Amino acid sequence: MWLGIVLGVLLLLLTGLLLIPLRLYVNTGSKIYSVQVGHLAKAYVEEDSVEIIRIRMQVLGYQFFVYPLKKKKSARKKPKKKSKPKASSLKLKKKGRWALRFLRAFKLKEFWLTIDTGNYVRNAQLYPVFGFINHFYLSCSVNFQGVNCFIIDLRSRPWNIIKSFIHF
């Protein structure tokens, strides 16, 4: 009786974790770089005065900071491994197919790009290219005001990512 209840609760939790939404949001204009796992966890990459960057993490209401560029104390060095031979073209094709399936697991909710190269001729050359790209519902523009900004909002669910690993 109790075993059935415990297994049922565990099955519901596992199903809930597989269906929880994932979000990747990058906005270079306002310097927001974040990853969100439903309402359970959020991670923001921020500038830091002491270190170059820090990661502010919020997990179930608890907030802490991680400094990824801080040197770790290491007592011994690992021996270098021998270099592996290059992969064949067939293996690269399989990896390319896998990467494409992995990218298809994500849905693009927002994409916005505005760029200024600093060169008027190159900006003029990019103008018709970005005009062509805008026909595919991606908002790209060229400006002559020195403004560079990139916004992307990708969303997925763990179940979709797992399906990309397993080829049906």
Protein backbone atom coordinates (compact mmCIF):
# COMPACT_ATOMS: atom_id res chain seq x y z
CA MET A 1 0.00 0.00 0.00
CA TRP A 2 2.65 2.54 1.09
CA LEU A 3 5.03 1.40 -1.62
CA GLY A 4 2.39 2.11 -4.27
CA ILE A 5 1.81 5.61 -2.90
CA VAL A 6 5.54 6.37 -2.77
CA LEU A 7 6.07 5.07 -6.31
CA GLY A 8 3.09 7.09 -7.52
CA VAL A 9 4.43 10.30 -5.97
CA LEU A 10 7.90 9.65 -7.43
CA LEU A 11 6.36 9.03 -10.85
CA LEU A 12 4.42 12.30 -10.63
CA LEU A 13 7.56 14.21 -9.61
CA LEU A 14 9.56 12.71 -12.48
CA THR A 15 6.80 13.55 -14.96
CA GLY A 16 6.64 17.09 -13.60
CA LEU A 17 10.40 17.53 -13.96
CA LEU A 18 10.28 16.29 -17.57
CA LEU A 19 7.56 18.79 -18.45
CA ILE A 20 8.92 21.84 -16.61
CA PRO A 21 9.80 24.69 -19.00
CA LEU A 22 13.41 25.75 -19.63
CA ARG A 23 14.28 29.27 -20.80
CA LEU A 24 17.48 30.81 -22.12
CA TYR A 25 17.38 34.60 -22.43
CA VAL A 26 20.18 36.83 -23.72
CA ASN A 27 19.88 40.61 -24.04
CA THR A 28 23.15 42.38 -24.75
CA GLY A 29 21.56 45.84 -24.72
CA SER A 30 20.54 45.67 -21.07
CA LYS A 31 23.22 43.05 -20.20
CA ILE A 32 20.83 40.31 -19.09
CA TYR A 33 22.06 36.74 -19.54
CA SER A 34 19.89 34.16 -17.81
CA VAL A 35 18.83 30.53 -17.70
CA GLN A 36 15.60 29.60 -15.95
CA VAL A 37 14.19 26.19 -14.99
CA GLY A 38 10.51 26.83 -14.37
CA HIS A 39 10.08 28.61 -11.07
CA LEU A 40 12.55 26.29 -9.36
CA ALA A 41 15.91 27.75 -10.35
CA LYS A 42 17.32 30.80 -12.11
CA ALA A 43 20.91 31.69 -13.01
CA TYR A 44 22.11 35.13 -14.10
CA VAL A 45 25.56 36.02 -15.42
CA GLU A 46 26.56 39.43 -14.04
CA GLU A 47 29.58 41.72 -14.02
CA ASP A 48 31.63 41.79 -10.82
CA SER A 49 34.01 44.43 -9.52
CA VAL A 50 36.56 41.94 -8.10
CA GLU A 51 36.24 39.05 -10.56
CA ILE A 52 35.32 39.58 -14.20
CA ILE A 53 31.97 37.78 -13.97
CA ARG A 54 29.88 36.03 -11.37
CA ILE A 55 26.83 33.81 -11.59
CA ARG A 56 23.93 34.67 -9.33
CA MET A 57 21.83 31.57 -8.72
CA GLN A 58 18.42 31.36 -7.12
CA VAL A 59 17.25 27.88 -6.19
CA LEU A 60 13.91 27.54 -4.41
CA GLY A 61 14.18 31.05 -3.00
CA TYR A 62 17.76 30.64 -1.77
CA GLN A 63 20.28 32.94 -3.47
CA PHE A 64 24.03 32.38 -3.78
CA PHE A 65 26.91 33.41 -6.03
CA VAL A 66 29.37 31.34 -8.05
CA TYR A 67 32.64 32.73 -9.38
CA PRO A 68 33.57 30.54 -12.38
CA LEU A 69 36.85 32.30 -13.20
CA LYS A 70 38.29 32.06 -9.69
CA LYS A 71 41.35 29.85 -9.55
CA LYS A 72 40.91 26.64 -7.64
CA LYS A 73 43.60 25.30 -5.37
CA SER A 74 45.14 22.27 -6.99
CA ALA A 75 47.75 20.15 -5.22
CA ARG A 76 48.84 18.10 -8.22
CA LYS A 77 48.71 18.35 -11.95
CA LYS A 78 47.02 15.75 -14.07
CA PRO A 79 49.17 14.03 -16.67
CA LYS A 80 48.47 15.00 -20.24
CA LYS A 81 46.56 12.51 -22.31
CA LYS A 82 47.65 11.47 -25.75
CA SER A 83 45.89 13.22 -28.58
CA LYS A 84 43.14 11.31 -30.30
CA PRO A 85 43.06 10.77 -34.03
CA LYS A 86 40.67 12.97 -36.00
CA ALA A 87 37.13 11.77 -36.45
CA SER A 88 36.07 10.51 -39.82
CA SER A 89 33.66 12.48 -41.97
CA LEU A 90 30.90 9.93 -41.26
CA LYS A 91 31.18 10.59 -37.51
CA LEU A 92 31.08 14.33 -38.15
CA LYS A 93 27.91 13.93 -40.22
CA LYS A 94 26.28 11.99 -37.39
CA LYS A 95 27.29 14.67 -34.89
CA GLY A 96 25.90 17.33 -37.23
CA ARG A 97 22.57 15.53 -37.45
CA TRP A 98 22.47 15.18 -33.68
CA ALA A 99 23.24 18.89 -33.24
CA LEU A 100 20.45 19.80 -35.66
CA ARG A 101 17.95 17.61 -33.77
CA PHE A 102 19.14 19.19 -30.50
CA LEU A 103 18.56 22.71 -31.87
CA ARG A 104 15.09 21.73 -33.08
CA ALA A 105 14.17 20.84 -29.49
CA PHE A 106 14.16 24.58 -28.71
CA LYS A 107 11.52 27.08 -29.77
CA LEU A 108 12.58 30.58 -30.70
CA LYS A 109 10.22 33.02 -28.97
CA GLU A 110 12.13 36.24 -29.66
CA PHE A 111 15.03 37.19 -31.91
CA TRP A 112 16.22 40.72 -32.48
CA LEU A 113 19.52 41.91 -33.89
CA THR A 114 20.68 45.42 -34.66
CA ILE A 115 24.23 46.05 -35.72
CA ASP A 116 26.56 48.87 -36.70
CA THR A 117 29.93 47.76 -38.09
CA GLY A 118 31.41 51.26 -37.95
CA ASN A 119 31.99 51.16 -41.70
CA TYR A 120 29.32 52.89 -43.82
CA VAL A 121 30.06 50.76 -46.88
CA ARG A 122 29.80 47.48 -44.96
CA ASN A 123 26.57 48.67 -43.30
CA ALA A 124 25.18 49.45 -46.74
CA GLN A 125 26.18 45.96 -47.94
CA LEU A 126 24.46 44.33 -44.94
CA TYR A 127 21.25 46.31 -45.42
CA PRO A 128 19.78 44.16 -48.26
CA VAL A 129 20.92 40.94 -46.56
CA PHE A 130 19.10 41.86 -43.36
CA GLY A 131 16.09 42.95 -45.41
CA PHE A 132 15.97 39.44 -46.89
CA ILE A 133 16.33 37.83 -43.45
CA ASN A 134 13.42 39.92 -42.12
CA HIS A 135 11.08 38.04 -44.47
CA PHE A 136 11.62 34.95 -42.30
CA TYR A 137 10.24 36.60 -39.13
CA LEU A 138 13.66 37.33 -37.68
CA SER A 139 14.05 40.96 -36.76
CA CYS A 140 17.46 42.09 -38.04
CA SER A 141 18.46 45.64 -38.80
CA VAL A 142 21.48 47.76 -39.64
CA ASN A 143 21.92 51.17 -38.06
CA PHE A 144 24.39 53.98 -38.56
CA GLN A 145 24.30 55.20 -34.93
CA GLY A 146 26.85 52.91 -33.26
CA VAL A 147 24.26 50.72 -31.53
CA ASN A 148 24.84 46.95 -31.35
CA CYS A 149 22.21 44.83 -29.64
CA PHE A 150 21.22 41.16 -29.68
CA ILE A 151 18.17 39.61 -28.01
CA ILE A 152 17.26 35.93 -28.11
CA ASP A 153 14.70 33.99 -26.09
CA LEU A 154 14.84 30.19 -26.44
CA ARG A 155 12.45 27.84 -24.66
CA SER A 156 12.20 24.09 -24.37
CA ARG A 157 11.30 21.27 -22.04
CA PRO A 158 13.61 18.52 -20.76
CA TRP A 159 11.47 15.90 -22.48
CA ASN A 160 12.10 17.53 -25.89
CA ILE A 161 15.85 17.62 -25.22
CA ILE A 162 15.87 13.94 -24.22
CA LYS A 163 13.95 13.08 -27.40
CA SER A 164 16.68 14.81 -29.43
CA PHE A 165 19.25 12.39 -27.94
CA ILE A 166 17.09 9.36 -28.67
CA HIS A 167 16.38 9.04 -32.37
CA PHE A 168 12.90 7.58 -32.96
